PDB file of all heavy atoms in Angstrom:
ATOM      1  N   ALA A   1      -0.031   7.324  13.350  1.00  0.00           N
ATOM      2  CA  ALA A   1       0.218   6.691  14.643  1.00  0.00           C
ATOM      3  C   ALA A   1       0.733   7.718  15.661  1.00  0.00           C
ATOM      4  O   ALA A   1       1.690   8.449  15.395  1.00  0.00           O
ATOM      5  CB  ALA A   1       1.223   5.555  14.483  1.00  0.00           C
ATOM      6  N   SER A   2       0.066   7.758  16.803  1.00  0.00           N
ATOM      7  CA  SER A   2       0.459   8.700  17.862  1.00  0.00           C
ATOM      8  C   SER A   2       1.333   8.028  18.913  1.00  0.00           C
ATOM      9  O   SER A   2       1.798   8.678  19.851  1.00  0.00           O
ATOM     10  CB  SER A   2      -0.789   9.278  18.534  1.00  0.00           C
ATOM     11  OG  SER A   2      -1.579   8.231  19.086  1.00  0.00           O
ATOM     12  N   LYS A   3       1.561   6.714  18.747  1.00  0.00           N
ATOM     13  CA  LYS A   3       2.402   5.961  19.689  1.00  0.00           C
ATOM     14  C   LYS A   3       2.962   4.746  18.951  1.00  0.00           C
ATOM     15  O   LYS A   3       2.646   4.503  17.783  1.00  0.00           O
ATOM     16  CB  LYS A   3       1.574   5.523  20.903  1.00  0.00           C
ATOM     17  CG  LYS A   3       0.432   4.579  20.553  1.00  0.00           C
ATOM     18  CD  LYS A   3      -0.347   4.156  21.788  1.00  0.00           C
ATOM     19  CE  LYS A   3      -1.453   3.152  21.416  1.00  0.00           C
ATOM     20  NZ  LYS A   3      -2.210   2.694  22.596  1.00  0.00           N
ATOM     21  N   GLU A   4       3.794   4.008  19.630  1.00  0.00           N
ATOM     22  CA  GLU A   4       4.362   2.800  19.035  1.00  0.00           C
ATOM     23  C   GLU A   4       3.387   1.630  19.197  1.00  0.00           C
ATOM     24  O   GLU A   4       2.761   1.467  20.255  1.00  0.00           O
ATOM     25  CB  GLU A   4       5.684   2.456  19.717  1.00  0.00           C
ATOM     26  CG  GLU A   4       6.777   3.485  19.498  1.00  0.00           C
ATOM     27  CD  GLU A   4       7.174   3.608  18.033  1.00  0.00           C
ATOM     28  OE1 GLU A   4       7.218   2.563  17.342  1.00  0.00           O
ATOM     29  OE2 GLU A   4       7.423   4.736  17.578  1.00  0.00           O
ATOM     30  N   TYR A   5       3.244   0.844  18.143  1.00  0.00           N
ATOM     31  CA  TYR A   5       2.396  -0.350  18.179  1.00  0.00           C
ATOM     32  C   TYR A   5       3.257  -1.576  17.922  1.00  0.00           C
ATOM     33  O   TYR A   5       4.118  -1.565  17.031  1.00  0.00           O
ATOM     34  CB  TYR A   5       1.285  -0.260  17.125  1.00  0.00           C
ATOM     35  CG  TYR A   5       0.222   0.764  17.434  1.00  0.00           C
ATOM     36  CD1 TYR A   5       0.369   2.087  17.010  1.00  0.00           C
ATOM     37  CD2 TYR A   5      -0.912   0.413  18.156  1.00  0.00           C
ATOM     38  CE1 TYR A   5      -0.607   3.037  17.284  1.00  0.00           C
ATOM     39  CE2 TYR A   5      -1.893   1.357  18.441  1.00  0.00           C
ATOM     40  CZ  TYR A   5      -1.733   2.670  18.004  1.00  0.00           C
ATOM     41  OH  TYR A   5      -2.693   3.602  18.292  1.00  0.00           O
ATOM     42  N   GLU A   6       2.998  -2.617  18.678  1.00  0.00           N
ATOM     43  CA  GLU A   6       3.795  -3.834  18.576  1.00  0.00           C
ATOM     44  C   GLU A   6       3.677  -4.444  17.179  1.00  0.00           C
ATOM     45  O   GLU A   6       2.590  -4.548  16.627  1.00  0.00           O
ATOM     46  CB  GLU A   6       3.333  -4.848  19.630  1.00  0.00           C
ATOM     47  CG  GLU A   6       4.205  -6.087  19.710  1.00  0.00           C
ATOM     48  CD  GLU A   6       3.749  -7.030  20.813  1.00  0.00           C
ATOM     49  OE1 GLU A   6       2.767  -6.709  21.510  1.00  0.00           O
ATOM     50  OE2 GLU A   6       4.377  -8.094  20.967  1.00  0.00           O
ATOM     51  N   ASN A   7       4.817  -4.815  16.605  1.00  0.00           N
ATOM     52  CA  ASN A   7       4.876  -5.493  15.304  1.00  0.00           C
ATOM     53  C   ASN A   7       4.232  -4.661  14.182  1.00  0.00           C
ATOM     54  O   ASN A   7       3.673  -5.220  13.235  1.00  0.00           O
ATOM     55  CB  ASN A   7       4.197  -6.862  15.366  1.00  0.00           C
ATOM     56  CG  ASN A   7       4.877  -7.788  16.358  1.00  0.00           C
ATOM     57  OD1 ASN A   7       6.102  -7.800  16.451  1.00  0.00           O
ATOM     58  ND2 ASN A   7       4.084  -8.538  17.112  1.00  0.00           N
ATOM     59  N   SER A   8       4.313  -3.337  14.298  1.00  0.00           N
ATOM     60  CA  SER A   8       3.755  -2.453  13.271  1.00  0.00           C
ATOM     61  C   SER A   8       4.735  -1.322  12.992  1.00  0.00           C
ATOM     62  O   SER A   8       5.577  -0.994  13.835  1.00  0.00           O
ATOM     63  CB  SER A   8       2.412  -1.870  13.715  1.00  0.00           C
ATOM     64  OG  SER A   8       1.475  -2.906  13.977  1.00  0.00           O
ATOM     65  N   LEU A   9       4.605  -0.714  11.815  1.00  0.00           N
ATOM     66  CA  LEU A   9       5.439   0.409  11.439  1.00  0.00           C
ATOM     67  C   LEU A   9       4.642   1.710  11.501  1.00  0.00           C
ATOM     68  O   LEU A   9       3.463   1.725  11.170  1.00  0.00           O
ATOM     69  CB  LEU A   9       5.982   0.220  10.018  1.00  0.00           C
ATOM     70  CG  LEU A   9       6.904  -0.980   9.788  1.00  0.00           C
ATOM     71  CD1 LEU A   9       7.210  -1.129   8.300  1.00  0.00           C
ATOM     72  CD2 LEU A   9       8.189  -0.836  10.589  1.00  0.00           C
ATOM     73  N   ASN A  10       5.294   2.766  11.944  1.00  0.00           N
ATOM     74  CA  ASN A  10       4.713   4.107  11.939  1.00  0.00           C
ATOM     75  C   ASN A  10       4.925   4.689  10.544  1.00  0.00           C
ATOM     76  O   ASN A  10       6.066   4.880  10.113  1.00  0.00           O
ATOM     77  CB  ASN A  10       5.387   4.978  13.003  1.00  0.00           C
ATOM     78  CG  ASN A  10       4.847   6.388  13.048  1.00  0.00           C
ATOM     79  OD1 ASN A  10       4.731   7.060  12.031  1.00  0.00           O
ATOM     80  ND2 ASN A  10       4.524   6.842  14.250  1.00  0.00           N
ATOM     81  N   TYR A  11       3.845   4.985   9.826  1.00  0.00           N
ATOM     82  CA  TYR A  11       3.925   5.344   8.416  1.00  0.00           C
ATOM     83  C   TYR A  11       4.857   6.525   8.150  1.00  0.00           C
ATOM     84  O   TYR A  11       5.759   6.444   7.311  1.00  0.00           O
ATOM     85  CB  TYR A  11       2.522   5.657   7.893  1.00  0.00           C
ATOM     86  CG  TYR A  11       2.459   5.979   6.410  1.00  0.00           C
ATOM     87  CD1 TYR A  11       2.698   5.004   5.453  1.00  0.00           C
ATOM     88  CD2 TYR A  11       2.140   7.268   5.975  1.00  0.00           C
ATOM     89  CE1 TYR A  11       2.638   5.293   4.098  1.00  0.00           C
ATOM     90  CE2 TYR A  11       2.071   7.572   4.618  1.00  0.00           C
ATOM     91  CZ  TYR A  11       2.310   6.583   3.685  1.00  0.00           C
ATOM     92  OH  TYR A  11       2.250   6.869   2.346  1.00  0.00           O
ATOM     93  N   GLU A  12       4.654   7.640   8.840  1.00  0.00           N
ATOM     94  CA  GLU A  12       5.447   8.835   8.575  1.00  0.00           C
ATOM     95  C   GLU A  12       6.927   8.618   8.908  1.00  0.00           C
ATOM     96  O   GLU A  12       7.818   9.055   8.173  1.00  0.00           O
ATOM     97  CB  GLU A  12       4.895  10.042   9.337  1.00  0.00           C
ATOM     98  CG  GLU A  12       3.564  10.559   8.802  1.00  0.00           C
ATOM     99  CD  GLU A  12       3.637  11.063   7.360  1.00  0.00           C
ATOM    100  OE1 GLU A  12       4.711  11.545   6.946  1.00  0.00           O
ATOM    101  OE2 GLU A  12       2.622  10.968   6.654  1.00  0.00           O
ATOM    102  N   GLN A  13       7.202   7.928  10.009  1.00  0.00           N
ATOM    103  CA  GLN A  13       8.591   7.627  10.350  1.00  0.00           C
ATOM    104  C   GLN A  13       9.206   6.702   9.313  1.00  0.00           C
ATOM    105  O   GLN A  13      10.362   6.886   8.900  1.00  0.00           O
ATOM    106  CB  GLN A  13       8.662   6.990  11.737  1.00  0.00           C
ATOM    107  CG  GLN A  13       8.306   7.929  12.878  1.00  0.00           C
ATOM    108  CD  GLN A  13       8.367   7.239  14.232  1.00  0.00           C
ATOM    109  OE1 GLN A  13       8.735   6.058  14.327  1.00  0.00           O
ATOM    110  NE2 GLN A  13       7.990   7.964  15.275  1.00  0.00           N
ATOM    111  N   TRP A  14       8.443   5.731   8.892  1.00  0.00           N
ATOM    112  CA  TRP A  14       8.911   4.749   7.900  1.00  0.00           C
ATOM    113  C   TRP A  14       9.244   5.427   6.571  1.00  0.00           C
ATOM    114  O   TRP A  14      10.261   5.137   5.949  1.00  0.00           O
ATOM    115  CB  TRP A  14       7.835   3.679   7.746  1.00  0.00           C
ATOM    116  CG  TRP A  14       8.072   2.618   6.715  1.00  0.00           C
ATOM    117  CD1 TRP A  14       9.008   1.620   6.768  1.00  0.00           C
ATOM    118  CD2 TRP A  14       7.340   2.427   5.501  1.00  0.00           C
ATOM    119  NE1 TRP A  14       8.899   0.819   5.647  1.00  0.00           N
ATOM    120  CE2 TRP A  14       7.885   1.291   4.869  1.00  0.00           C
ATOM    121  CE3 TRP A  14       6.279   3.107   4.911  1.00  0.00           C
ATOM    122  CZ2 TRP A  14       7.399   0.821   3.645  1.00  0.00           C
ATOM    123  CZ3 TRP A  14       5.785   2.638   3.700  1.00  0.00           C
ATOM    124  CH2 TRP A  14       6.340   1.507   3.080  1.00  0.00           C
ATOM    125  N   LEU A  15       8.383   6.375   6.124  1.00  0.00           N
ATOM    126  CA  LEU A  15       8.609   7.060   4.854  1.00  0.00           C
ATOM    127  C   LEU A  15       9.946   7.788   4.830  1.00  0.00           C
ATOM    128  O   LEU A  15      10.618   7.847   3.791  1.00  0.00           O
ATOM    129  CB  LEU A  15       7.493   8.078   4.577  1.00  0.00           C
ATOM    130  CG  LEU A  15       6.183   7.622   3.942  1.00  0.00           C
ATOM    131  CD1 LEU A  15       5.362   8.842   3.551  1.00  0.00           C
ATOM    132  CD2 LEU A  15       6.392   6.718   2.748  1.00  0.00           C
ATOM    133  N   THR A  16      10.339   8.369   5.961  1.00  0.00           N
ATOM    134  CA  THR A  16      11.562   9.180   5.981  1.00  0.00           C
ATOM    135  C   THR A  16      12.816   8.355   5.701  1.00  0.00           C
ATOM    136  O   THR A  16      13.875   8.925   5.431  1.00  0.00           O
ATOM    137  CB  THR A  16      11.722   9.889   7.341  1.00  0.00           C
ATOM    138  OG1 THR A  16      11.813   8.905   8.390  1.00  0.00           O
ATOM    139  CG2 THR A  16      10.551  10.815   7.612  1.00  0.00           C
ATOM    140  N   ASP A  17      12.715   7.047   5.748  1.00  0.00           N
ATOM    141  CA  ASP A  17      13.866   6.182   5.469  1.00  0.00           C
ATOM    142  C   ASP A  17      14.161   6.063   3.978  1.00  0.00           C
ATOM    143  O   ASP A  17      15.175   5.473   3.593  1.00  0.00           O
ATOM    144  CB  ASP A  17      13.629   4.773   6.030  1.00  0.00           C
ATOM    145  CG  ASP A  17      13.604   4.740   7.548  1.00  0.00           C
ATOM    146  OD1 ASP A  17      14.182   5.655   8.165  1.00  0.00           O
ATOM    147  OD2 ASP A  17      13.006   3.804   8.121  1.00  0.00           O
ATOM    148  N   PHE A  18      13.274   6.629   3.129  1.00  0.00           N
ATOM    149  CA  PHE A  18      13.397   6.379   1.698  1.00  0.00           C
ATOM    150  C   PHE A  18      13.477   7.686   0.910  1.00  0.00           C
ATOM    151  O   PHE A  18      12.919   8.714   1.311  1.00  0.00           O
ATOM    152  CB  PHE A  18      12.205   5.543   1.218  1.00  0.00           C
ATOM    153  CG  PHE A  18      12.046   4.264   1.994  1.00  0.00           C
ATOM    154  CD1 PHE A  18      11.068   4.146   2.975  1.00  0.00           C
ATOM    155  CD2 PHE A  18      12.899   3.200   1.771  1.00  0.00           C
ATOM    156  CE1 PHE A  18      10.936   2.987   3.713  1.00  0.00           C
ATOM    157  CE2 PHE A  18      12.775   2.029   2.501  1.00  0.00           C
ATOM    158  CZ  PHE A  18      11.798   1.913   3.474  1.00  0.00           C
ATOM    159  N   PRO A  19      14.190   7.664  -0.240  1.00  0.00           N
ATOM    160  CA  PRO A  19      14.396   8.881  -1.034  1.00  0.00           C
ATOM    161  C   PRO A  19      13.129   9.358  -1.721  1.00  0.00           C
ATOM    162  O   PRO A  19      12.234   8.573  -2.030  1.00  0.00           O
ATOM    163  CB  PRO A  19      15.448   8.451  -2.060  1.00  0.00           C
ATOM    164  CG  PRO A  19      15.298   6.968  -2.174  1.00  0.00           C
ATOM    165  CD  PRO A  19      14.896   6.499  -0.805  1.00  0.00           C
ATOM    166  N   LYS A  20      13.087  10.670  -1.979  1.00  0.00           N
ATOM    167  CA  LYS A  20      11.927  11.281  -2.625  1.00  0.00           C
ATOM    168  C   LYS A  20      12.000  11.201  -4.147  1.00  0.00           C
ATOM    169  O   LYS A  20      11.005  11.423  -4.831  1.00  0.00           O
ATOM    170  CB  LYS A  20      11.803  12.755  -2.210  1.00  0.00           C
ATOM    171  CG  LYS A  20      11.568  12.957  -0.728  1.00  0.00           C
ATOM    172  CD  LYS A  20      11.518  14.441  -0.385  1.00  0.00           C
ATOM    173  CE  LYS A  20      11.290  14.649   1.106  1.00  0.00           C
ATOM    174  NZ  LYS A  20      11.246  16.091   1.464  1.00  0.00           N
ATOM    175  N   GLU A  21      13.173  10.940  -4.656  1.00  0.00           N
ATOM    176  CA  GLU A  21      13.341  10.880  -6.106  1.00  0.00           C
ATOM    177  C   GLU A  21      13.961   9.550  -6.499  1.00  0.00           C
ATOM    178  O   GLU A  21      14.296   8.732  -5.665  1.00  0.00           O
ATOM    179  CB  GLU A  21      14.260  12.019  -6.589  1.00  0.00           C
ATOM    180  CG  GLU A  21      13.637  13.386  -6.497  1.00  0.00           C
ATOM    181  CD  GLU A  21      14.314  14.258  -5.466  1.00  0.00           C
ATOM    182  OE1 GLU A  21      15.357  13.847  -4.948  1.00  0.00           O
ATOM    183  OE2 GLU A  21      13.774  15.339  -5.169  1.00  0.00           O
ATOM    184  N   GLY A  22      14.069   9.400  -7.809  1.00  0.00           N
ATOM    185  CA  GLY A  22      14.835   8.277  -8.326  1.00  0.00           C
ATOM    186  C   GLY A  22      14.134   6.940  -8.332  1.00  0.00           C
ATOM    187  O   GLY A  22      14.801   5.911  -8.427  1.00  0.00           O
ATOM    188  N   PHE A  23      12.814   6.947  -8.248  1.00  0.00           N
ATOM    189  CA  PHE A  23      12.144   5.641  -8.320  1.00  0.00           C
ATOM    190  C   PHE A  23      11.805   5.322  -9.771  1.00  0.00           C
ATOM    191  O   PHE A  23      11.098   6.075 -10.441  1.00  0.00           O
ATOM    192  CB  PHE A  23      10.870   5.596  -7.478  1.00  0.00           C
ATOM    193  CG  PHE A  23      10.291   4.205  -7.425  1.00  0.00           C
ATOM    194  CD1 PHE A  23      10.776   3.287  -6.502  1.00  0.00           C
ATOM    195  CD2 PHE A  23       9.316   3.790  -8.326  1.00  0.00           C
ATOM    196  CE1 PHE A  23      10.287   1.998  -6.467  1.00  0.00           C
ATOM    197  CE2 PHE A  23       8.831   2.499  -8.293  1.00  0.00           C
ATOM    198  CZ  PHE A  23       9.313   1.600  -7.366  1.00  0.00           C
ATOM    199  N   GLU A  24      12.299   4.206 -10.233  1.00  0.00           N
ATOM    200  CA  GLU A  24      12.013   3.753 -11.590  1.00  0.00           C
ATOM    201  C   GLU A  24      10.860   2.759 -11.523  1.00  0.00           C
ATOM    202  O   GLU A  24      10.996   1.662 -10.995  1.00  0.00           O
ATOM    203  CB  GLU A  24      13.239   3.094 -12.215  1.00  0.00           C
ATOM    204  CG  GLU A  24      13.041   2.717 -13.672  1.00  0.00           C
ATOM    205  CD  GLU A  24      14.312   2.197 -14.316  1.00  0.00           C
ATOM    206  OE1 GLU A  24      15.403   2.424 -13.746  1.00  0.00           O
ATOM    207  OE2 GLU A  24      14.207   1.559 -15.377  1.00  0.00           O
ATOM    208  N   GLY A  25       9.709   3.173 -12.037  1.00  0.00           N
ATOM    209  CA  GLY A  25       8.507   2.350 -11.931  1.00  0.00           C
ATOM    210  C   GLY A  25       8.638   1.013 -12.638  1.00  0.00           C
ATOM    211  O   GLY A  25       9.369   0.874 -13.624  1.00  0.00           O
ATOM    212  N   GLU A  26       7.920   0.045 -12.121  1.00  0.00           N
ATOM    213  CA  GLU A  26       7.871  -1.281 -12.727  1.00  0.00           C
ATOM    214  C   GLU A  26       7.200  -1.180 -14.099  1.00  0.00           C
ATOM    215  O   GLU A  26       6.159  -0.536 -14.240  1.00  0.00           O
ATOM    216  CB  GLU A  26       7.060  -2.219 -11.830  1.00  0.00           C
ATOM    217  CG  GLU A  26       6.990  -3.652 -12.294  1.00  0.00           C
ATOM    218  CD  GLU A  26       8.290  -4.402 -12.079  1.00  0.00           C
ATOM    219  OE1 GLU A  26       9.114  -3.945 -11.249  1.00  0.00           O
ATOM    220  OE2 GLU A  26       8.482  -5.441 -12.736  1.00  0.00           O
ATOM    221  N   PRO A  27       7.783  -1.793 -15.140  1.00  0.00           N
ATOM    222  CA  PRO A  27       7.111  -1.798 -16.447  1.00  0.00           C
ATOM    223  C   PRO A  27       5.722  -2.436 -16.335  1.00  0.00           C
ATOM    224  O   PRO A  27       5.575  -3.520 -15.771  1.00  0.00           O
ATOM    225  CB  PRO A  27       8.043  -2.644 -17.320  1.00  0.00           C
ATOM    226  CG  PRO A  27       9.377  -2.563 -16.646  1.00  0.00           C
ATOM    227  CD  PRO A  27       9.088  -2.475 -15.175  1.00  0.00           C
ATOM    228  N   LEU A  28       4.726  -1.730 -16.846  1.00  0.00           N
ATOM    229  CA  LEU A  28       3.347  -2.191 -16.731  1.00  0.00           C
ATOM    230  C   LEU A  28       2.729  -2.366 -18.107  1.00  0.00           C
ATOM    231  O   LEU A  28       3.048  -1.629 -19.045  1.00  0.00           O
ATOM    232  CB  LEU A  28       2.506  -1.185 -15.933  1.00  0.00           C
ATOM    233  CG  LEU A  28       2.848  -1.009 -14.451  1.00  0.00           C
ATOM    234  CD1 LEU A  28       2.094   0.187 -13.880  1.00  0.00           C
ATOM    235  CD2 LEU A  28       2.525  -2.269 -13.665  1.00  0.00           C
ATOM    236  N   GLU A  29       1.818  -3.309 -18.208  1.00  0.00           N
ATOM    237  CA  GLU A  29       1.000  -3.478 -19.397  1.00  0.00           C
ATOM    238  C   GLU A  29      -0.434  -3.133 -19.010  1.00  0.00           C
ATOM    239  O   GLU A  29      -0.843  -3.323 -17.853  1.00  0.00           O
ATOM    240  CB  GLU A  29       1.100  -4.903 -19.937  1.00  0.00           C
ATOM    241  CG  GLU A  29       0.347  -5.168 -21.239  1.00  0.00           C
ATOM    242  CD  GLU A  29       0.652  -4.135 -22.317  1.00  0.00           C
ATOM    243  OE1 GLU A  29       1.773  -4.112 -22.836  1.00  0.00           O
ATOM    244  OE2 GLU A  29      -0.268  -3.341 -22.618  1.00  0.00           O
ATOM    245  N   GLU A  30      -1.213  -2.606 -19.945  1.00  0.00           N
ATOM    246  CA  GLU A  30      -2.572  -2.171 -19.618  1.00  0.00           C
ATOM    247  C   GLU A  30      -3.473  -3.318 -19.176  1.00  0.00           C
ATOM    248  O   GLU A  30      -4.482  -3.097 -18.503  1.00  0.00           O
ATOM    249  CB  GLU A  30      -3.195  -1.441 -20.797  1.00  0.00           C
ATOM    250  CG  GLU A  30      -3.349  -2.271 -22.058  1.00  0.00           C
ATOM    251  CD  GLU A  30      -3.843  -1.425 -23.224  1.00  0.00           C
ATOM    252  OE1 GLU A  30      -3.319  -0.315 -23.442  1.00  0.00           O
ATOM    253  OE2 GLU A  30      -4.774  -1.890 -23.910  1.00  0.00           O
ATOM    254  N   THR A  31      -3.112  -4.536 -19.518  1.00  0.00           N
ATOM    255  CA  THR A  31      -3.913  -5.694 -19.103  1.00  0.00           C
ATOM    256  C   THR A  31      -3.558  -6.176 -17.695  1.00  0.00           C
ATOM    257  O   THR A  31      -4.196  -7.102 -17.185  1.00  0.00           O
ATOM    258  CB  THR A  31      -3.726  -6.852 -20.095  1.00  0.00           C
ATOM    259  OG1 THR A  31      -2.318  -7.097 -20.271  1.00  0.00           O
ATOM    260  CG2 THR A  31      -4.344  -6.518 -21.446  1.00  0.00           C
ATOM    261  N   ASP A  32      -2.561  -5.554 -17.061  1.00  0.00           N
ATOM    262  CA  ASP A  32      -2.221  -5.924 -15.686  1.00  0.00           C
ATOM    263  C   ASP A  32      -3.347  -5.507 -14.746  1.00  0.00           C
ATOM    264  O   ASP A  32      -3.991  -4.475 -14.936  1.00  0.00           O
ATOM    265  CB  ASP A  32      -0.922  -5.236 -15.247  1.00  0.00           C
ATOM    266  CG  ASP A  32       0.301  -5.785 -15.965  1.00  0.00           C
ATOM    267  OD1 ASP A  32       0.262  -6.959 -16.398  1.00  0.00           O
ATOM    268  OD2 ASP A  32       1.296  -5.045 -16.091  1.00  0.00           O
ATOM    269  N   ILE A  33      -3.568  -6.297 -13.722  1.00  0.00           N
ATOM    270  CA  ILE A  33      -4.589  -5.975 -12.718  1.00  0.00           C
ATOM    271  C   ILE A  33      -4.122  -4.778 -11.887  1.00  0.00           C
ATOM    272  O   ILE A  33      -2.986  -4.749 -11.405  1.00  0.00           O
ATOM    273  CB  ILE A  33      -4.866  -7.178 -11.800  1.00  0.00           C
ATOM    274  CG1 ILE A  33      -5.385  -8.370 -12.617  1.00  0.00           C
ATOM    275  CG2 ILE A  33      -5.879  -6.799 -10.715  1.00  0.00           C
ATOM    276  CD1 ILE A  33      -6.686  -8.115 -13.344  1.00  0.00           C
ATOM    277  N   ALA A  34      -4.995  -3.793 -11.742  1.00  0.00           N
ATOM    278  CA  ALA A  34      -4.695  -2.606 -10.930  1.00  0.00           C
ATOM    279  C   ALA A  34      -5.409  -2.661  -9.582  1.00  0.00           C
ATOM    280  O   ALA A  34      -4.829  -2.311  -8.551  1.00  0.00           O
ATOM    281  CB  ALA A  34      -5.104  -1.343 -11.675  1.00  0.00           C
ATOM    282  N   SER A  35      -6.675  -3.081  -9.605  1.00  0.00           N
ATOM    283  CA  SER A  35      -7.509  -3.014  -8.395  1.00  0.00           C
ATOM    284  C   SER A  35      -8.172  -4.357  -8.121  1.00  0.00           C
ATOM    285  O   SER A  35      -8.614  -5.043  -9.056  1.00  0.00           O
ATOM    286  CB  SER A  35      -8.608  -1.959  -8.552  1.00  0.00           C
ATOM    287  OG  SER A  35      -8.061  -0.711  -8.922  1.00  0.00           O
ATOM    288  N   LEU A  36      -8.247  -4.690  -6.862  1.00  0.00           N
ATOM    289  CA  LEU A  36      -9.033  -5.834  -6.399  1.00  0.00           C
ATOM    290  C   LEU A  36     -10.006  -5.283  -5.364  1.00  0.00           C
ATOM    291  O   LEU A  36      -9.618  -4.943  -4.247  1.00  0.00           O
ATOM    292  CB  LEU A  36      -8.132  -6.916  -5.801  1.00  0.00           C
ATOM    293  CG  LEU A  36      -8.816  -8.137  -5.183  1.00  0.00           C
ATOM    294  CD1 LEU A  36      -9.770  -8.797  -6.174  1.00  0.00           C
ATOM    295  CD2 LEU A  36      -7.774  -9.139  -4.700  1.00  0.00           C
ATOM    296  N   LEU A  37     -11.263  -5.155  -5.767  1.00  0.00           N
ATOM    297  CA  LEU A  37     -12.280  -4.490  -4.945  1.00  0.00           C
ATOM    298  C   LEU A  37     -13.328  -5.504  -4.502  1.00  0.00           C
ATOM    299  O   LEU A  37     -13.888  -6.222  -5.337  1.00  0.00           O
ATOM    300  CB  LEU A  37     -12.947  -3.382  -5.759  1.00  0.00           C
ATOM    301  CG  LEU A  37     -12.010  -2.298  -6.297  1.00  0.00           C
ATOM    302  CD1 LEU A  37     -12.631  -1.586  -7.477  1.00  0.00           C
ATOM    303  CD2 LEU A  37     -11.679  -1.311  -5.198  1.00  0.00           C
ATOM    304  N   TYR A  38     -13.615  -5.532  -3.229  1.00  0.00           N
ATOM    305  CA  TYR A  38     -14.550  -6.520  -2.699  1.00  0.00           C
ATOM    306  C   TYR A  38     -15.947  -5.927  -2.537  1.00  0.00           C
ATOM    307  O   TYR A  38     -16.118  -4.850  -1.966  1.00  0.00           O
ATOM    308  CB  TYR A  38     -14.028  -7.087  -1.374  1.00  0.00           C
ATOM    309  CG  TYR A  38     -12.980  -8.153  -1.613  1.00  0.00           C
ATOM    310  CD1 TYR A  38     -11.670  -7.803  -1.898  1.00  0.00           C
ATOM    311  CD2 TYR A  38     -13.317  -9.504  -1.628  1.00  0.00           C
ATOM    312  CE1 TYR A  38     -10.704  -8.767  -2.163  1.00  0.00           C
ATOM    313  CE2 TYR A  38     -12.357 -10.480  -1.895  1.00  0.00           C
ATOM    314  CZ  TYR A  38     -11.064 -10.103  -2.165  1.00  0.00           C
ATOM    315  OH  TYR A  38     -10.118 -11.072  -2.439  1.00  0.00           O
ATOM    316  N   THR A  39     -16.930  -6.652  -3.075  1.00  0.00           N
ATOM    317  CA  THR A  39     -18.322  -6.239  -2.948  1.00  0.00           C
ATOM    318  C   THR A  39     -18.785  -6.450  -1.516  1.00  0.00           C
ATOM    319  O   THR A  39     -18.113  -7.099  -0.716  1.00  0.00           O
ATOM    320  CB  THR A  39     -19.221  -7.033  -3.904  1.00  0.00           C
ATOM    321  OG1 THR A  39     -19.100  -8.432  -3.590  1.00  0.00           O
ATOM    322  CG2 THR A  39     -18.794  -6.815  -5.351  1.00  0.00           C
ATOM    323  N   SER A  40     -19.966  -5.942  -1.213  1.00  0.00           N
ATOM    324  CA  SER A  40     -20.434  -5.900   0.171  1.00  0.00           C
ATOM    325  C   SER A  40     -20.685  -7.255   0.785  1.00  0.00           C
ATOM    326  O   SER A  40     -20.638  -7.419   1.996  1.00  0.00           O
ATOM    327  CB  SER A  40     -21.713  -5.056   0.260  1.00  0.00           C
ATOM    328  OG  SER A  40     -22.707  -5.586  -0.596  1.00  0.00           O
ATOM    329  N   GLY A  41     -20.989  -8.268  -0.038  1.00  0.00           N
ATOM    330  CA  GLY A  41     -21.191  -9.597   0.502  1.00  0.00           C
ATOM    331  C   GLY A  41     -22.446  -9.751   1.333  1.00  0.00           C
ATOM    332  O   GLY A  41     -22.452 -10.447   2.342  1.00  0.00           O
ATOM    333  N   THR A  42     -23.551  -9.103   0.923  1.00  0.00           N
ATOM    334  CA  THR A  42     -24.791  -9.164   1.705  1.00  0.00           C
ATOM    335  C   THR A  42     -25.465 -10.532   1.604  1.00  0.00           C
ATOM    336  O   THR A  42     -26.305 -10.873   2.417  1.00  0.00           O
ATOM    337  CB  THR A  42     -25.780  -8.087   1.230  1.00  0.00           C
ATOM    338  OG1 THR A  42     -25.968  -8.232  -0.184  1.00  0.00           O
ATOM    339  CG2 THR A  42     -25.244  -6.706   1.528  1.00  0.00           C
ATOM    340  N   THR A  43     -25.125 -11.321   0.602  1.00  0.00           N
ATOM    341  CA  THR A  43     -25.750 -12.639   0.446  1.00  0.00           C
ATOM    342  C   THR A  43     -24.699 -13.741   0.485  1.00  0.00           C
ATOM    343  O   THR A  43     -24.851 -14.768  -0.124  1.00  0.00           O
ATOM    344  CB  THR A  43     -26.515 -12.708  -0.889  1.00  0.00           C
ATOM    345  OG1 THR A  43     -25.619 -12.392  -1.965  1.00  0.00           O
ATOM    346  CG2 THR A  43     -27.670 -11.741  -0.890  1.00  0.00           C
ATOM    347  N   GLY A  44     -23.617 -13.535   1.207  1.00  0.00           N
ATOM    348  CA  GLY A  44     -22.548 -14.518   1.298  1.00  0.00           C
ATOM    349  C   GLY A  44     -21.224 -13.802   1.455  1.00  0.00           C
ATOM    350  O   GLY A  44     -21.167 -12.609   1.758  1.00  0.00           O
ATOM    351  N   ASP A  45     -20.132 -14.544   1.270  1.00  0.00           N
ATOM    352  CA  ASP A  45     -18.821 -13.926   1.373  1.00  0.00           C
ATOM    353  C   ASP A  45     -18.658 -12.857   0.291  1.00  0.00           C
ATOM    354  O   ASP A  45     -19.172 -13.007  -0.823  1.00  0.00           O
ATOM    355  CB  ASP A  45     -17.732 -14.989   1.210  1.00  0.00           C
ATOM    356  CG  ASP A  45     -17.636 -15.901   2.428  1.00  0.00           C
ATOM    357  OD1 ASP A  45     -17.925 -15.426   3.544  1.00  0.00           O
ATOM    358  OD2 ASP A  45     -17.278 -17.083   2.258  1.00  0.00           O
TER     359      ASP A  45
END
């Protein structure tokens, strides 16, 4: 973002509010969903 946008956050400015270390990841199981990818929808939604 090169300027302020209404009701939006500037990514780089927002990141600086948070620490670079010390994040304890959420426990995950391999059967958990990782990606939700949408097909092109050429014949419908």
